[in-house]
Every structure is written in structure tokens, then in C-alpha cells.
Amino acid sequence: MLPDLTQYLWIAWLVLALLFVIIELLTLEFTFLMLATGTLIGGLGVNLLGGVWWLQILMAAAISALLLFTIRPLLLRALHRSSAAVPMNVDALQGIGARVTTPFVDGDGAVKLDNGETWTARLVGGGDGLAVGTRVTVQAVRGATVEVVPLQTPPQTTERSAES
């Protein structure tokens, strides 16, 4: 005679909820947290109240779907509201300082950015005259080339002291 395995279904609900929580800790997107909550409330809850196995599955799926489409968007919005947009990768290069490493010929040369990367560069407006070691600022990134402008140095004022 085979044992009735539905009496041990509560163990399966606990294991499934634990598995969803572990996956959620790895992904951090609130998806598996909603599935774990639906599993605990719908599946395990109906099991403990004496519901049949198909009702347990139905309630777990319904509660999980309800949480996924109602609570998860609210949690994500609250999470992302407090974080400021930080430029990454190539977008972060705009405005960074650099130093000329090879002289510019016909507006083209090379610069070493302040983050340590060496890039081919094009002088905005073309022309020559930037010597090695001159400070420039990245204005834009065009493919594998940065467009640079000479760093504006504040005009130095000379003050003469009035001696009598």
C-alpha cells in the first residue's frame, strides 16, 4: 500500500519558499520575493487550513501574480526613487580632464584621461597648437575618439602695489 504523499505537502511548500528566497537574495529584483510570499500565504496557508492540493496551487499562483503586479512595482519605484542617476562607462567621460600625449596635427592627436586611459582625440574646431602636456577637457565621445577643448584657465590679474 502506498502512503498518501499529500499529507507531506507542507514540506514541499516550505522548501519551495526557501528556494525562492535564496534566488531573491541573488537577484535582488523582488520577483522571487513575491513568489515566496505567494507560496507561503497561498500554498502553505491553504494547506494548513486543510485545503485540497489543487486549491493550494491555485491560491499560491493567484497570490503570487497579485503581488507581482501590484506590490512589486511599488517597491521598485520606492527603491529607485532614492538613487540618483550616475553616468557610467562612456557617458562618464564627458567633462573629464586630460593631458595631451602626442601633438595635434590637423586637429588629431592623443590624450591621457585623468582616469588613466589613453584615447585618440580630435580638437573641437580643428587646428594645431596644442603641445604635449597641455590640459584639455573631454567634450564628447565619438566612437573610439574623444573630442576635446583646451582647458580654460582663468585670466591672471597682475596687481601693482602703489608704493610712494
N, C-alpha and C. Protein backbone atom coordinates (compact mmCIF):
# COMPACT_ATOMS: atom_id res chain seq x y z
N MET A 1 0.83 -1.18 0.00
CA MET A 1 0.00 0.00 0.00
C MET A 1 0.88 1.25 0.00
N LEU A 2 0.56 2.20 -0.88
CA LEU A 2 1.34 3.43 -1.00
C LEU A 2 0.86 4.48 0.00
N PRO A 3 1.80 5.22 0.59
CA PRO A 3 1.39 6.26 1.55
C PRO A 3 0.79 7.46 0.81
N ASP A 4 -0.04 8.18 1.50
CA ASP A 4 -0.65 9.39 0.94
C ASP A 4 0.36 10.53 1.09
N LEU A 5 0.96 10.93 -0.04
CA LEU A 5 2.01 11.95 0.00
C LEU A 5 1.46 13.36 0.17
N THR A 6 0.18 13.56 0.03
CA THR A 6 -0.37 14.91 0.19
C THR A 6 -0.31 15.39 1.63
N GLN A 7 -0.13 14.48 2.58
CA GLN A 7 0.00 14.91 3.96
C GLN A 7 1.36 15.55 4.24
N TYR A 8 2.31 15.34 3.33
CA TYR A 8 3.64 15.95 3.47
C TYR A 8 3.84 17.14 2.53
N LEU A 9 2.75 17.63 1.96
CA LEU A 9 2.84 18.73 1.01
C LEU A 9 3.33 20.02 1.66
N TRP A 10 3.11 20.18 2.96
CA TRP A 10 3.56 21.39 3.64
C TRP A 10 5.08 21.51 3.60
N ILE A 11 5.78 20.38 3.57
CA ILE A 11 7.25 20.41 3.48
C ILE A 11 7.67 20.93 2.11
N ALA A 12 6.96 20.51 1.08
CA ALA A 12 7.26 20.99 -0.27
C ALA A 12 7.04 22.50 -0.37
N TRP A 13 5.98 23.02 0.27
CA TRP A 13 5.74 24.46 0.23
C TRP A 13 6.85 25.24 0.94
N LEU A 14 7.31 24.72 2.07
CA LEU A 14 8.40 25.38 2.80
C LEU A 14 9.71 25.36 2.00
N VAL A 15 10.02 24.23 1.39
CA VAL A 15 11.24 24.11 0.59
C VAL A 15 11.17 25.03 -0.62
N LEU A 16 10.02 25.10 -1.26
CA LEU A 16 9.86 25.98 -2.42
C LEU A 16 9.99 27.45 -2.02
N ALA A 17 9.40 27.83 -0.89
CA ALA A 17 9.52 29.21 -0.41
C ALA A 17 10.97 29.53 -0.07
N LEU A 18 11.68 28.61 0.56
CA LEU A 18 13.09 28.83 0.89
C LEU A 18 13.94 28.96 -0.38
N LEU A 19 13.65 28.14 -1.36
CA LEU A 19 14.36 28.23 -2.64
C LEU A 19 14.13 29.60 -3.30
N PHE A 20 12.89 30.08 -3.28
CA PHE A 20 12.59 31.40 -3.85
C PHE A 20 13.31 32.52 -3.10
N VAL A 21 13.41 32.42 -1.79
CA VAL A 21 14.11 33.44 -1.00
C VAL A 21 15.60 33.43 -1.34
N ILE A 22 16.19 32.27 -1.49
CA ILE A 22 17.62 32.19 -1.85
C ILE A 22 17.86 32.80 -3.22
N ILE A 23 17.00 32.49 -4.18
CA ILE A 23 17.14 33.08 -5.52
C ILE A 23 16.96 34.59 -5.45
N GLU A 24 16.03 35.06 -4.64
CA GLU A 24 15.81 36.51 -4.49
C GLU A 24 17.05 37.20 -3.93
N LEU A 25 17.72 36.56 -3.00
CA LEU A 25 18.94 37.15 -2.45
C LEU A 25 20.04 37.29 -3.51
N LEU A 26 19.99 36.47 -4.54
CA LEU A 26 20.98 36.54 -5.62
C LEU A 26 20.58 37.55 -6.69
N THR A 27 19.28 37.77 -6.90
CA THR A 27 18.84 38.64 -7.99
C THR A 27 18.47 40.05 -7.53
N LEU A 28 17.90 40.20 -6.35
CA LEU A 28 17.50 41.49 -5.78
C LEU A 28 16.58 42.29 -6.69
N GLU A 29 15.56 41.64 -7.24
CA GLU A 29 14.60 42.31 -8.10
C GLU A 29 13.17 42.20 -7.59
N PHE A 30 12.95 41.64 -6.43
CA PHE A 30 11.65 41.47 -5.78
C PHE A 30 10.73 40.48 -6.47
N THR A 31 11.15 39.87 -7.57
CA THR A 31 10.29 38.92 -8.26
C THR A 31 10.13 37.64 -7.44
N PHE A 32 11.23 37.05 -7.05
CA PHE A 32 11.16 35.79 -6.31
C PHE A 32 10.68 36.00 -4.88
N LEU A 33 10.82 37.22 -4.37
CA LEU A 33 10.25 37.51 -3.05
C LEU A 33 8.73 37.46 -3.11
N MET A 34 8.15 37.95 -4.20
CA MET A 34 6.70 37.88 -4.38
C MET A 34 6.25 36.43 -4.55
N LEU A 35 7.04 35.63 -5.28
CA LEU A 35 6.71 34.22 -5.44
C LEU A 35 6.81 33.47 -4.11
N ALA A 36 7.81 33.79 -3.31
CA ALA A 36 7.95 33.15 -2.00
C ALA A 36 6.78 33.52 -1.08
N THR A 37 6.37 34.78 -1.13
CA THR A 37 5.24 35.20 -0.30
C THR A 37 3.95 34.52 -0.75
N GLY A 38 3.74 34.43 -2.06
CA GLY A 38 2.56 33.72 -2.58
C GLY A 38 2.59 32.25 -2.20
N THR A 39 3.78 31.67 -2.22
CA THR A 39 3.93 30.26 -1.84
C THR A 39 3.57 30.05 -0.37
N LEU A 40 4.06 30.94 0.49
CA LEU A 40 3.79 30.79 1.92
C LEU A 40 2.33 31.08 2.26
N ILE A 41 1.80 32.18 1.74
CA ILE A 41 0.43 32.55 2.09
C ILE A 41 -0.57 31.64 1.38
N GLY A 42 -0.39 31.50 0.06
CA GLY A 42 -1.36 30.71 -0.71
C GLY A 42 -1.21 29.23 -0.52
N GLY A 43 -0.01 28.72 -0.80
CA GLY A 43 0.19 27.28 -0.75
C GLY A 43 0.19 26.71 0.65
N LEU A 44 1.09 27.22 1.49
CA LEU A 44 1.20 26.69 2.85
C LEU A 44 -0.01 27.07 3.69
N GLY A 45 -0.51 28.28 3.48
CA GLY A 45 -1.68 28.71 4.26
C GLY A 45 -2.90 27.86 4.00
N VAL A 46 -3.19 27.61 2.74
CA VAL A 46 -4.35 26.77 2.40
C VAL A 46 -4.10 25.33 2.86
N ASN A 47 -2.86 24.86 2.80
CA ASN A 47 -2.52 23.52 3.27
C ASN A 47 -2.82 23.39 4.76
N LEU A 48 -2.39 24.39 5.54
CA LEU A 48 -2.61 24.33 6.98
C LEU A 48 -4.09 24.45 7.35
N LEU A 49 -4.87 25.09 6.47
CA LEU A 49 -6.31 25.18 6.71
C LEU A 49 -7.07 23.96 6.21
N GLY A 50 -6.34 23.00 5.60
CA GLY A 50 -6.96 21.75 5.18
C GLY A 50 -7.47 21.75 3.76
N GLY A 51 -7.02 22.65 2.92
CA GLY A 51 -7.47 22.70 1.54
C GLY A 51 -6.84 21.60 0.71
N VAL A 52 -7.50 21.26 -0.39
CA VAL A 52 -7.00 20.21 -1.28
C VAL A 52 -5.80 20.73 -2.06
N TRP A 53 -5.03 19.82 -2.66
CA TRP A 53 -3.76 20.19 -3.30
C TRP A 53 -3.95 21.15 -4.47
N TRP A 54 -5.01 20.96 -5.27
CA TRP A 54 -5.20 21.85 -6.42
C TRP A 54 -5.59 23.26 -5.98
N LEU A 55 -6.29 23.38 -4.87
CA LEU A 55 -6.63 24.70 -4.33
C LEU A 55 -5.38 25.39 -3.79
N GLN A 56 -4.48 24.63 -3.21
CA GLN A 56 -3.22 25.19 -2.72
C GLN A 56 -2.41 25.80 -3.86
N ILE A 57 -2.31 25.05 -4.95
CA ILE A 57 -1.55 25.53 -6.12
C ILE A 57 -2.23 26.75 -6.73
N LEU A 58 -3.55 26.70 -6.84
CA LEU A 58 -4.30 27.82 -7.41
C LEU A 58 -4.12 29.09 -6.57
N MET A 59 -4.23 28.97 -5.26
CA MET A 59 -4.10 30.13 -4.38
C MET A 59 -2.66 30.66 -4.39
N ALA A 60 -1.68 29.77 -4.41
CA ALA A 60 -0.27 30.21 -4.47
C ALA A 60 -0.01 30.99 -5.75
N ALA A 61 -0.53 30.51 -6.87
CA ALA A 61 -0.34 31.20 -8.15
C ALA A 61 -1.08 32.53 -8.17
N ALA A 62 -2.30 32.56 -7.66
CA ALA A 62 -3.10 33.79 -7.67
C ALA A 62 -2.47 34.86 -6.78
N ILE A 63 -2.06 34.49 -5.60
CA ILE A 63 -1.45 35.48 -4.69
C ILE A 63 -0.11 35.94 -5.22
N SER A 64 0.67 35.04 -5.77
CA SER A 64 1.95 35.44 -6.36
C SER A 64 1.76 36.42 -7.50
N ALA A 65 0.80 36.15 -8.39
CA ALA A 65 0.52 37.05 -9.51
C ALA A 65 0.03 38.40 -9.01
N LEU A 66 -0.85 38.39 -8.02
CA LEU A 66 -1.35 39.64 -7.46
C LEU A 66 -0.21 40.48 -6.88
N LEU A 67 0.68 39.86 -6.14
CA LEU A 67 1.81 40.58 -5.57
C LEU A 67 2.78 41.07 -6.64
N LEU A 68 3.01 40.24 -7.66
CA LEU A 68 3.93 40.64 -8.73
C LEU A 68 3.44 41.88 -9.47
N PHE A 69 2.15 41.99 -9.68
CA PHE A 69 1.63 43.09 -10.47
C PHE A 69 1.16 44.29 -9.65
N THR A 70 1.11 44.16 -8.33
CA THR A 70 0.68 45.30 -7.50
C THR A 70 1.79 45.79 -6.58
N ILE A 71 2.34 44.94 -5.75
CA ILE A 71 3.31 45.36 -4.75
C ILE A 71 4.71 45.54 -5.33
N ARG A 72 5.14 44.66 -6.23
CA ARG A 72 6.50 44.73 -6.78
C ARG A 72 6.77 46.06 -7.47
N PRO A 73 5.88 46.59 -8.34
CA PRO A 73 6.17 47.89 -8.95
C PRO A 73 6.31 49.02 -7.92
N LEU A 74 5.51 48.97 -6.87
CA LEU A 74 5.62 49.99 -5.83
C LEU A 74 6.96 49.91 -5.11
N LEU A 75 7.39 48.70 -4.80
CA LEU A 75 8.69 48.52 -4.14
C LEU A 75 9.84 48.97 -5.03
N LEU A 76 9.78 48.63 -6.31
CA LEU A 76 10.85 49.05 -7.23
C LEU A 76 10.89 50.56 -7.39
N ARG A 77 9.72 51.19 -7.47
CA ARG A 77 9.67 52.65 -7.60
C ARG A 77 10.26 53.31 -6.35
N ALA A 78 9.94 52.81 -5.19
CA ALA A 78 10.47 53.37 -3.94
C ALA A 78 11.97 53.15 -3.84
N LEU A 79 12.44 52.02 -4.33
CA LEU A 79 13.87 51.73 -4.28
C LEU A 79 14.66 52.62 -5.21
N HIS A 80 14.16 52.84 -6.43
CA HIS A 80 14.90 53.61 -7.43
C HIS A 80 14.70 55.12 -7.27
N ARG A 81 13.72 55.54 -6.51
CA ARG A 81 13.49 56.96 -6.31
C ARG A 81 14.63 57.61 -5.55
N SER A 82 15.21 56.91 -4.62
CA SER A 82 16.24 57.50 -3.77
C SER A 82 17.62 57.48 -4.41
N SER A 83 17.80 56.77 -5.50
CA SER A 83 19.11 56.70 -6.12
C SER A 83 19.21 57.68 -7.28
N ALA A 84 20.28 58.48 -7.27
CA ALA A 84 20.50 59.45 -8.34
C ALA A 84 21.11 58.74 -9.55
N ALA A 85 20.82 59.26 -10.72
CA ALA A 85 21.37 58.69 -11.94
C ALA A 85 22.86 59.02 -12.01
N VAL A 86 23.67 58.00 -12.10
CA VAL A 86 25.12 58.17 -12.16
C VAL A 86 25.57 57.77 -13.55
N PRO A 87 26.25 58.68 -14.27
CA PRO A 87 26.73 58.31 -15.61
C PRO A 87 27.76 57.19 -15.51
N MET A 88 27.64 56.23 -16.41
CA MET A 88 28.54 55.08 -16.40
C MET A 88 29.25 54.97 -17.73
N ASN A 89 30.34 54.25 -17.75
CA ASN A 89 31.10 53.90 -18.95
C ASN A 89 31.46 55.15 -19.76
N VAL A 90 31.11 55.17 -21.02
CA VAL A 90 31.48 56.27 -21.90
C VAL A 90 30.78 57.57 -21.51
N ASP A 91 29.57 57.47 -20.97
CA ASP A 91 28.85 58.67 -20.56
C ASP A 91 29.57 59.43 -19.45
N ALA A 92 30.36 58.73 -18.65
CA ALA A 92 31.07 59.36 -17.55
C ALA A 92 32.30 60.13 -18.02
N LEU A 93 32.71 59.96 -19.26
CA LEU A 93 33.91 60.62 -19.75
C LEU A 93 33.68 62.09 -20.11
N GLN A 94 32.45 62.47 -20.36
CA GLN A 94 32.19 63.85 -20.74
C GLN A 94 32.50 64.77 -19.56
N GLY A 95 33.35 65.75 -19.82
CA GLY A 95 33.75 66.71 -18.79
C GLY A 95 34.98 66.33 -18.01
N ILE A 96 35.53 65.15 -18.25
CA ILE A 96 36.73 64.72 -17.53
C ILE A 96 37.96 65.42 -18.12
N GLY A 97 38.92 65.69 -17.28
CA GLY A 97 40.15 66.34 -17.72
C GLY A 97 41.10 65.35 -18.37
N ALA A 98 42.02 65.87 -19.17
CA ALA A 98 43.01 65.04 -19.84
C ALA A 98 44.26 65.85 -20.11
N ARG A 99 45.34 65.15 -20.47
CA ARG A 99 46.60 65.80 -20.80
C ARG A 99 47.03 65.28 -22.17
N VAL A 100 47.48 66.20 -23.03
CA VAL A 100 47.90 65.84 -24.38
C VAL A 100 49.17 65.01 -24.30
N THR A 101 49.18 63.85 -25.00
CA THR A 101 50.37 62.98 -25.00
C THR A 101 51.11 63.03 -26.33
N THR A 102 50.41 63.29 -27.42
CA THR A 102 51.08 63.48 -28.72
C THR A 102 50.56 64.78 -29.32
N PRO A 103 51.42 65.54 -30.01
CA PRO A 103 50.98 66.83 -30.55
C PRO A 103 49.84 66.65 -31.56
N PHE A 104 48.96 67.62 -31.59
CA PHE A 104 47.82 67.59 -32.51
C PHE A 104 48.28 68.05 -33.90
N VAL A 105 48.00 67.22 -34.91
CA VAL A 105 48.30 67.55 -36.30
C VAL A 105 46.97 67.52 -37.05
N ASP A 106 46.62 68.62 -37.67
CA ASP A 106 45.35 68.77 -38.38
C ASP A 106 44.17 68.44 -37.46
N GLY A 107 44.28 68.78 -36.21
CA GLY A 107 43.19 68.59 -35.25
C GLY A 107 43.13 67.22 -34.61
N ASP A 108 44.03 66.29 -34.98
CA ASP A 108 44.01 64.95 -34.41
C ASP A 108 45.25 64.70 -33.57
N GLY A 109 45.07 64.02 -32.45
CA GLY A 109 46.19 63.70 -31.57
C GLY A 109 45.79 62.62 -30.59
N ALA A 110 46.46 62.58 -29.46
CA ALA A 110 46.15 61.60 -28.42
C ALA A 110 46.23 62.26 -27.06
N VAL A 111 45.36 61.80 -26.15
CA VAL A 111 45.34 62.35 -24.80
C VAL A 111 45.29 61.21 -23.79
N LYS A 112 45.77 61.49 -22.60
CA LYS A 112 45.65 60.55 -21.48
C LYS A 112 44.66 61.17 -20.51
N LEU A 113 43.53 60.47 -20.32
CA LEU A 113 42.49 60.98 -19.45
C LEU A 113 42.92 60.90 -17.99
N ASP A 114 42.26 61.67 -17.15
CA ASP A 114 42.58 61.67 -15.72
C ASP A 114 42.30 60.33 -15.06
N ASN A 115 41.51 59.46 -15.71
CA ASN A 115 41.26 58.13 -15.14
C ASN A 115 42.31 57.12 -15.57
N GLY A 116 43.32 57.56 -16.36
CA GLY A 116 44.42 56.70 -16.76
C GLY A 116 44.32 56.12 -18.15
N GLU A 117 43.19 56.28 -18.83
CA GLU A 117 43.02 55.72 -20.17
C GLU A 117 43.62 56.65 -21.21
N THR A 118 44.19 56.05 -22.26
CA THR A 118 44.72 56.82 -23.38
C THR A 118 43.76 56.69 -24.55
N TRP A 119 43.36 57.83 -25.12
CA TRP A 119 42.40 57.88 -26.21
C TRP A 119 42.95 58.69 -27.36
N THR A 120 42.53 58.31 -28.58
CA THR A 120 42.78 59.21 -29.70
C THR A 120 41.81 60.37 -29.55
N ALA A 121 42.27 61.55 -29.95
CA ALA A 121 41.45 62.74 -29.70
C ALA A 121 41.38 63.61 -30.94
N ARG A 122 40.30 64.35 -30.99
CA ARG A 122 40.11 65.33 -32.05
C ARG A 122 39.81 66.66 -31.37
N LEU A 123 40.52 67.69 -31.80
CA LEU A 123 40.34 69.01 -31.23
C LEU A 123 39.09 69.65 -31.83
N VAL A 124 38.17 70.09 -30.98
CA VAL A 124 36.95 70.72 -31.46
C VAL A 124 37.33 72.02 -32.16
N GLY A 125 36.87 72.17 -33.38
CA GLY A 125 37.22 73.35 -34.16
C GLY A 125 38.46 73.14 -35.00
N GLY A 126 39.10 71.97 -34.85
CA GLY A 126 40.30 71.66 -35.64
C GLY A 126 41.48 72.53 -35.24
N GLY A 127 42.49 72.50 -36.07
CA GLY A 127 43.66 73.34 -35.82
C GLY A 127 44.77 72.60 -35.12
N ASP A 128 45.84 73.32 -34.94
CA ASP A 128 47.04 72.79 -34.28
C ASP A 128 47.33 73.67 -33.07
N GLY A 129 48.47 73.45 -32.51
CA GLY A 129 48.92 74.34 -31.47
C GLY A 129 48.85 73.80 -30.06
N LEU A 130 48.34 72.60 -29.87
CA LEU A 130 48.33 72.05 -28.52
C LEU A 130 49.60 71.23 -28.33
N ALA A 131 50.43 71.66 -27.44
CA ALA A 131 51.69 70.98 -27.18
C ALA A 131 51.48 69.82 -26.22
N VAL A 132 52.46 68.95 -26.18
CA VAL A 132 52.42 67.82 -25.25
C VAL A 132 52.39 68.37 -23.82
N GLY A 133 51.48 67.81 -23.02
CA GLY A 133 51.36 68.24 -21.64
C GLY A 133 50.26 69.27 -21.41
N THR A 134 49.68 69.79 -22.47
CA THR A 134 48.60 70.77 -22.34
C THR A 134 47.36 70.10 -21.77
N ARG A 135 46.69 70.78 -20.86
CA ARG A 135 45.46 70.25 -20.25
C ARG A 135 44.27 70.53 -21.16
N VAL A 136 43.42 69.54 -21.34
CA VAL A 136 42.20 69.66 -22.15
C VAL A 136 41.05 69.04 -21.38
N THR A 137 39.84 69.28 -21.86
CA THR A 137 38.64 68.70 -21.27
C THR A 137 37.87 67.96 -22.35
N VAL A 138 37.38 66.77 -22.02
CA VAL A 138 36.60 65.97 -22.97
C VAL A 138 35.22 66.61 -23.10
N GLN A 139 34.85 66.90 -24.34
CA GLN A 139 33.54 67.49 -24.60
C GLN A 139 32.53 66.42 -25.03
N ALA A 140 32.99 65.43 -25.81
CA ALA A 140 32.09 64.38 -26.29
C ALA A 140 32.91 63.16 -26.67
N VAL A 141 32.24 62.02 -26.79
CA VAL A 141 32.87 60.78 -27.24
C VAL A 141 32.21 60.38 -28.55
N ARG A 142 33.01 60.19 -29.56
CA ARG A 142 32.53 59.77 -30.88
C ARG A 142 33.24 58.47 -31.25
N GLY A 143 32.61 57.36 -30.95
CA GLY A 143 33.22 56.06 -31.22
C GLY A 143 34.43 55.85 -30.32
N ALA A 144 35.60 55.64 -30.94
CA ALA A 144 36.83 55.43 -30.18
C ALA A 144 37.66 56.70 -30.09
N THR A 145 37.05 57.84 -30.37
CA THR A 145 37.74 59.12 -30.34
C THR A 145 37.01 60.08 -29.42
N VAL A 146 37.77 60.81 -28.62
CA VAL A 146 37.17 61.84 -27.78
C VAL A 146 37.37 63.19 -28.43
N GLU A 147 36.37 64.03 -28.34
CA GLU A 147 36.50 65.41 -28.80
C GLU A 147 36.87 66.25 -27.59
N VAL A 148 37.94 67.03 -27.74
CA VAL A 148 38.45 67.78 -26.60
C VAL A 148 38.51 69.27 -26.93
N VAL A 149 38.48 70.05 -25.87
CA VAL A 149 38.68 71.50 -25.97
C VAL A 149 39.77 71.87 -24.98
N PRO A 150 40.57 72.89 -25.30
CA PRO A 150 41.60 73.30 -24.34
C PRO A 150 40.97 73.76 -23.03
N LEU A 151 41.65 73.45 -21.94
CA LEU A 151 41.16 73.82 -20.63
C LEU A 151 41.25 75.33 -20.49
N GLN A 152 40.15 75.92 -20.09
CA GLN A 152 40.13 77.37 -19.93
C GLN A 152 40.77 77.72 -18.60
N THR A 153 41.84 78.45 -18.67
CA THR A 153 42.50 78.90 -17.44
C THR A 153 41.99 80.29 -17.13
N PRO A 154 41.73 80.56 -15.88
CA PRO A 154 41.22 81.88 -15.52
C PRO A 154 42.30 82.93 -15.80
N PRO A 155 41.90 84.09 -16.29
CA PRO A 155 42.89 85.13 -16.58
C PRO A 155 43.57 85.58 -15.30
N GLN A 156 44.89 85.69 -15.40
CA GLN A 156 45.65 86.10 -14.23
C GLN A 156 45.72 87.62 -14.22
N THR A 157 45.41 88.16 -13.10
CA THR A 157 45.45 89.61 -12.96
C THR A 157 46.72 90.00 -12.23
N THR A 158 47.34 91.00 -12.71
CA THR A 158 48.54 91.50 -12.03
C THR A 158 48.17 92.77 -11.32
N GLU A 159 48.47 92.76 -10.07
CA GLU A 159 48.18 93.93 -9.27
C GLU A 159 49.48 94.61 -8.94
N ARG A 160 49.50 95.88 -9.16
CA ARG A 160 50.69 96.64 -8.81
C ARG A 160 50.44 97.32 -7.48
N SER A 161 51.38 97.16 -6.65
CA SER A 161 51.23 97.80 -5.36
C SER A 161 51.68 99.27 -5.50
N ALA A 162 50.91 100.09 -4.95
CA ALA A 162 51.23 101.53 -5.03
C ALA A 162 52.25 101.86 -3.96
N GLU A 163 53.45 102.10 -4.42
CA GLU A 163 54.50 102.47 -3.48
C GLU A 163 54.81 103.95 -3.69
N SER A 164 54.91 104.67 -2.65
CA SER A 164 55.20 106.09 -2.76
C SER A 164 56.55 106.40 -2.20
